[in-house]
Amino acid sequence: MARYTWLAIAALVMFSPLGTASAQQQPIPSPFPDLLKGTPQEEAACAPDSSRFCKRFEPDALQVLGCLQQNRSRISQSCQRVLRNRGV
């Protein structure tokens, strides 16, 4: 789950703006999978927020990140810090 959260953060930076996706749509594979890995601390910081607010979008990394951004005022300070530090 934390892996998907980090994937979402990195993918939005690379593929903004977000589009809408249906429940049946497959996640977009990243051409740079190594760039989508956060540190364990970064993943841990956003995992609870991803699970709480964005679980329905997993494993679509772009949708999860969009969800985290839409809920920015409601997510934890630690996850907000990760988003800021990553330029999202």
Protein backbone atom coordinates (compact mmCIF):
# COMPACT_ATOMS: atom_id res chain seq x y z
CA MET A 1 0.00 0.00 0.00
CA ALA A 2 2.77 2.45 0.87
CA ARG A 3 4.44 1.62 -2.43
CA TYR A 4 1.34 2.79 -4.29
CA THR A 5 1.28 6.01 -2.32
CA TRP A 6 4.81 6.86 -3.35
CA LEU A 7 4.13 5.81 -6.91
CA ALA A 8 1.27 8.26 -6.96
CA ILE A 9 3.39 11.11 -5.71
CA ALA A 10 6.17 10.59 -8.22
CA ALA A 11 3.86 9.87 -11.13
CA LEU A 12 1.93 13.09 -10.79
CA VAL A 13 5.12 15.10 -10.97
CA MET A 14 5.96 13.32 -14.21
CA PHE A 15 2.52 13.13 -15.83
CA SER A 16 0.50 16.13 -14.68
CA PRO A 17 -2.34 17.08 -15.28
CA LEU A 18 -4.46 14.21 -14.05
CA GLY A 19 -7.23 12.69 -16.09
CA THR A 20 -10.22 10.85 -14.77
CA ALA A 21 -10.23 7.09 -14.78
CA SER A 22 -12.94 4.50 -14.51
CA ALA A 23 -12.77 1.67 -12.01
CA GLN A 24 -11.91 -0.78 -14.79
CA GLN A 25 -9.04 1.27 -16.20
CA GLN A 26 -5.56 -0.13 -15.66
CA PRO A 27 -2.88 2.04 -14.03
CA ILE A 28 -0.47 3.74 -16.39
CA PRO A 29 2.91 2.01 -16.21
CA SER A 30 5.82 4.29 -15.47
CA PRO A 31 8.64 4.54 -18.00
CA PHE A 32 10.97 5.30 -15.05
CA PRO A 33 10.08 2.84 -12.27
CA ASP A 34 13.19 3.61 -10.20
CA LEU A 35 12.17 7.27 -9.96
CA LEU A 36 8.87 6.29 -8.39
CA LYS A 37 10.34 4.83 -5.23
CA GLY A 38 10.23 6.87 -2.07
CA THR A 39 12.17 6.24 1.05
CA PRO A 40 10.52 3.95 3.58
CA GLN A 41 9.97 7.04 5.75
CA GLU A 42 8.21 8.90 2.91
CA GLU A 43 6.03 5.92 2.14
CA ALA A 44 5.15 5.50 5.81
CA ALA A 45 4.25 9.19 6.08
CA CYS A 46 1.56 9.00 3.38
CA ALA A 47 0.34 5.41 3.70
CA PRO A 48 -2.30 6.11 6.38
CA ASP A 49 -3.69 9.06 4.42
CA SER A 50 -3.73 7.08 1.19
CA SER A 51 -5.55 4.24 2.91
CA ARG A 52 -8.03 6.58 4.60
CA PHE A 53 -8.89 8.91 1.72
CA CYS A 54 -7.74 7.26 -1.51
CA LYS A 55 -8.00 3.49 -1.20
CA ARG A 56 -10.59 3.29 -3.97
CA PHE A 57 -8.00 4.58 -6.46
CA GLU A 58 -5.28 2.03 -5.67
CA PRO A 59 -3.26 0.80 -7.50
CA ASP A 60 -3.56 3.72 -9.97
CA ALA A 61 -0.70 5.92 -8.79
CA LEU A 62 -1.89 9.02 -10.64
CA GLN A 63 -5.36 8.80 -9.19
CA VAL A 64 -4.03 8.26 -5.66
CA LEU A 65 -1.83 11.32 -5.94
CA GLY A 66 -4.69 13.38 -7.29
CA CYS A 67 -6.79 12.22 -4.37
CA LEU A 68 -4.07 13.16 -1.87
CA GLN A 69 -3.84 16.59 -3.45
CA GLN A 70 -7.62 17.06 -3.30
CA ASN A 71 -7.51 16.12 0.37
CA ARG A 72 -4.36 18.12 1.14
CA SER A 73 -6.05 20.10 3.92
CA ARG A 74 -7.14 16.84 5.56
CA ILE A 75 -3.98 14.72 5.24
CA SER A 76 -1.30 14.54 7.90
CA GLN A 77 1.42 17.14 8.21
CA SER A 78 4.04 14.46 7.50
CA CYS A 79 2.40 13.51 4.18
CA GLN A 80 1.97 17.18 3.27
CA ARG A 81 5.69 17.61 3.89
CA VAL A 82 6.50 14.70 1.57
CA LEU A 83 4.36 16.23 -1.18
CA ARG A 84 6.02 19.63 -0.73
CA ASN A 85 9.53 18.14 -0.66
CA ARG A 86 8.77 16.30 -3.89
CA GLY A 87 7.41 19.41 -5.59
CA VAL A 88 3.80 18.29 -5.66
